[in-house]
Amino acid sequence: MVSTVLIRHALKTIAERLCGPFPENICVLVPSAKTPRVYVASVPVKCRAALHQYLAERIGVSIPHGNDPLILSATEAKVAIELGEQVRRSDGRDEVVEAESGGVFP
């Protein structure tokens, strides 16, 4: 299942592992009810570059230009949620985490 809450939690988990704790929220919206569904995430500046790079390397998302938001397809969002869960379970081990549904995809 994919929801804005699960995506927000996953992105925050990954971002905090990369950059340390930060008080700002990650905002995730669905701009339209039309399909295919996309998710738009606004990531705080403190961790934006690191999180975008990490997601690009792990699941192939496009890195936004400048201050543009991160846009995830439904498939990318599902894999990001899986990746966030794996990062959460890794207990701080410095291992490369790949998503269960196949890692990097086109």
C-alpha atoms as a PDB file:
ATOM      1  CA  MET A   1       0.000   0.000   0.000  1.00  0.00           C
ATOM      2  CA  VAL A   2       1.202   3.513  -0.811  1.00  0.00           C
ATOM      3  CA  SER A   3       0.027   6.585   1.088  1.00  0.00           C
ATOM      4  CA  THR A   4       1.376  10.067   1.654  1.00  0.00           C
ATOM      5  CA  VAL A   5       1.930   9.227   5.328  1.00  0.00           C
ATOM      6  CA  LEU A   6       4.006   6.142   4.510  1.00  0.00           C
ATOM      7  CA  ILE A   7       6.049   8.045   1.921  1.00  0.00           C
ATOM      8  CA  ARG A   8       6.653  10.923   4.353  1.00  0.00           C
ATOM      9  CA  HIS A   9       7.769   8.505   7.066  1.00  0.00           C
ATOM     10  CA  ALA A  10      10.088   6.621   4.691  1.00  0.00           C
ATOM     11  CA  LEU A  11      11.701   9.792   3.320  1.00  0.00           C
ATOM     12  CA  LYS A  12      12.178  11.195   6.845  1.00  0.00           C
ATOM     13  CA  THR A  13      13.749   7.914   8.014  1.00  0.00           C
ATOM     14  CA  ILE A  14      16.196   7.877   5.105  1.00  0.00           C
ATOM     15  CA  ALA A  15      16.951  11.605   5.402  1.00  0.00           C
ATOM     16  CA  GLU A  16      17.676  11.361   9.121  1.00  0.00           C
ATOM     17  CA  ARG A  17      19.981   8.402   8.536  1.00  0.00           C
ATOM     18  CA  LEU A  18      21.859  10.429   5.910  1.00  0.00           C
ATOM     19  CA  CYS A  19      21.920  13.839   7.627  1.00  0.00           C
ATOM     20  CA  GLY A  20      21.057  13.339  11.262  1.00  0.00           C
ATOM     21  CA  PRO A  21      17.870  14.467  13.004  1.00  0.00           C
ATOM     22  CA  PHE A  22      16.155  17.648  11.883  1.00  0.00           C
ATOM     23  CA  PRO A  23      12.928  19.254  13.121  1.00  0.00           C
ATOM     24  CA  GLU A  24      11.465  20.200   9.746  1.00  0.00           C
ATOM     25  CA  ASN A  25       8.754  18.090   8.187  1.00  0.00           C
ATOM     26  CA  ILE A  26       8.782  16.489   4.782  1.00  0.00           C
ATOM     27  CA  CYS A  27       5.567  17.372   2.982  1.00  0.00           C
ATOM     28  CA  VAL A  28       4.065  14.854   0.532  1.00  0.00           C
ATOM     29  CA  LEU A  29       1.071  15.659  -1.661  1.00  0.00           C
ATOM     30  CA  VAL A  30      -0.925  13.972  -4.404  1.00  0.00           C
ATOM     31  CA  PRO A  31      -1.700  16.775  -6.858  1.00  0.00           C
ATOM     32  CA  SER A  32      -4.523  14.936  -8.629  1.00  0.00           C
ATOM     33  CA  ALA A  33      -6.777  11.933  -8.200  1.00  0.00           C
ATOM     34  CA  LYS A  34      -6.094  10.940 -11.804  1.00  0.00           C
ATOM     35  CA  THR A  35      -4.058   7.897 -12.682  1.00  0.00           C
ATOM     36  CA  PRO A  36      -1.255   7.212 -13.007  1.00  0.00           C
ATOM     37  CA  ARG A  37      -0.826   8.665  -9.555  1.00  0.00           C
ATOM     38  CA  VAL A  38       2.235  10.754  -8.720  1.00  0.00           C
ATOM     39  CA  TYR A  39       3.477  11.967  -5.365  1.00  0.00           C
ATOM     40  CA  VAL A  40       5.168  15.331  -4.847  1.00  0.00           C
ATOM     41  CA  ALA A  41       7.542  15.710  -1.886  1.00  0.00           C
ATOM     42  CA  SER A  42       9.098  18.845  -0.482  1.00  0.00           C
ATOM     43  CA  VAL A  43      12.305  18.044   1.385  1.00  0.00           C
ATOM     44  CA  PRO A  44      14.003  20.483   3.801  1.00  0.00           C
ATOM     45  CA  VAL A  45      17.123  22.163   2.411  1.00  0.00           C
ATOM     46  CA  LYS A  46      19.370  20.633   5.091  1.00  0.00           C
ATOM     47  CA  CYS A  47      19.057  17.170   3.581  1.00  0.00           C
ATOM     48  CA  ARG A  48      17.593  17.761   0.117  1.00  0.00           C
ATOM     49  CA  ALA A  49      20.706  17.076  -1.985  1.00  0.00           C
ATOM     50  CA  ALA A  50      21.759  13.996  -0.005  1.00  0.00           C
ATOM     51  CA  LEU A  51      18.273  12.450  -0.053  1.00  0.00           C
ATOM     52  CA  HIS A  52      17.726  13.139  -3.746  1.00  0.00           C
ATOM     53  CA  GLN A  53      21.135  11.649  -4.616  1.00  0.00           C
ATOM     54  CA  TYR A  54      20.494   8.583  -2.439  1.00  0.00           C
ATOM     55  CA  LEU A  55      17.106   7.929  -4.058  1.00  0.00           C
ATOM     56  CA  ALA A  56      18.525   8.493  -7.538  1.00  0.00           C
ATOM     57  CA  GLU A  57      21.271   5.933  -6.911  1.00  0.00           C
ATOM     58  CA  ARG A  58      19.036   3.353  -5.201  1.00  0.00           C
ATOM     59  CA  ILE A  59      15.776   3.526  -7.141  1.00  0.00           C
ATOM     60  CA  GLY A  60      16.482   5.663 -10.178  1.00  0.00           C
ATOM     61  CA  VAL A  61      14.384   8.734  -9.393  1.00  0.00           C
ATOM     62  CA  SER A  62      15.124  11.928 -11.293  1.00  0.00           C
ATOM     63  CA  ILE A  63      16.942  14.521  -9.225  1.00  0.00           C
ATOM     64  CA  PRO A  64      14.901  17.747  -9.219  1.00  0.00           C
ATOM     65  CA  HIS A  65      16.481  20.982 -10.476  1.00  0.00           C
ATOM     66  CA  GLY A  66      17.047  23.788  -8.002  1.00  0.00           C
ATOM     67  CA  ASN A  67      14.221  24.066  -5.500  1.00  0.00           C
ATOM     68  CA  ASP A  68      11.793  21.918  -7.470  1.00  0.00           C
ATOM     69  CA  PRO A  69      10.009  19.226  -5.439  1.00  0.00           C
ATOM     70  CA  LEU A  70      10.786  15.535  -5.679  1.00  0.00           C
ATOM     71  CA  ILE A  71       8.263  13.763  -7.897  1.00  0.00           C
ATOM     72  CA  LEU A  72       7.706  10.044  -7.409  1.00  0.00           C
ATOM     73  CA  SER A  73       5.648   7.724  -9.565  1.00  0.00           C
ATOM     74  CA  ALA A  74       3.458   5.221  -7.723  1.00  0.00           C
ATOM     75  CA  THR A  75       6.085   2.540  -8.368  1.00  0.00           C
ATOM     76  CA  GLU A  76       8.949   4.742  -7.151  1.00  0.00           C
ATOM     77  CA  ALA A  77       6.926   5.665  -4.065  1.00  0.00           C
ATOM     78  CA  LYS A  78       6.305   1.997  -3.252  1.00  0.00           C
ATOM     79  CA  VAL A  79      10.006   1.195  -3.559  1.00  0.00           C
ATOM     80  CA  ALA A  80      10.927   4.273  -1.475  1.00  0.00           C
ATOM     81  CA  ILE A  81       8.624   3.013   1.294  1.00  0.00           C
ATOM     82  CA  GLU A  82      10.326  -0.405   1.182  1.00  0.00           C
ATOM     83  CA  LEU A  83      13.735   1.264   1.228  1.00  0.00           C
ATOM     84  CA  GLY A  84      12.764   3.429   4.209  1.00  0.00           C
ATOM     85  CA  GLU A  85      11.640   0.342   6.107  1.00  0.00           C
ATOM     86  CA  GLN A  86      14.922  -1.409   5.346  1.00  0.00           C
ATOM     87  CA  VAL A  87      16.896   1.624   6.496  1.00  0.00           C
ATOM     88  CA  ARG A  88      14.834   1.739   9.702  1.00  0.00           C
ATOM     89  CA  ARG A  89      15.500  -1.957  10.367  1.00  0.00           C
ATOM     90  CA  SER A  90      19.234  -1.697   9.624  1.00  0.00           C
ATOM     91  CA  ASP A  91      19.884  -0.177  13.086  1.00  0.00           C
ATOM     92  CA  GLY A  92      22.561   2.190  11.822  1.00  0.00           C
ATOM     93  CA  ARG A  93      24.739  -0.371  10.095  1.00  0.00           C
ATOM     94  CA  ASP A  94      26.659   1.266   7.254  1.00  0.00           C
ATOM     95  CA  GLU A  95      25.516  -1.177   4.634  1.00  0.00           C
ATOM     96  CA  VAL A  96      24.152  -0.390   1.226  1.00  0.00           C
ATOM     97  CA  VAL A  97      20.421  -0.925   1.325  1.00  0.00           C
ATOM     98  CA  GLU A  98      18.609  -2.003  -1.836  1.00  0.00           C
ATOM     99  CA  ALA A  99      14.856  -2.160  -2.167  1.00  0.00           C
ATOM    100  CA  GLU A 100      13.315  -5.632  -1.980  1.00  0.00           C
ATOM    101  CA  SER A 101      11.419  -5.209  -5.193  1.00  0.00           C
ATOM    102  CA  GLY A 102      14.521  -5.293  -7.339  1.00  0.00           C
ATOM    103  CA  GLY A 103      16.776  -2.374  -6.376  1.00  0.00           C
ATOM    104  CA  VAL A 104      17.435   0.085  -9.153  1.00  0.00           C
ATOM    105  CA  PHE A 105      14.874   0.036 -11.908  1.00  0.00           C
ATOM    106  CA  PRO A 106      14.597   2.049 -15.116  1.00  0.00           C
END
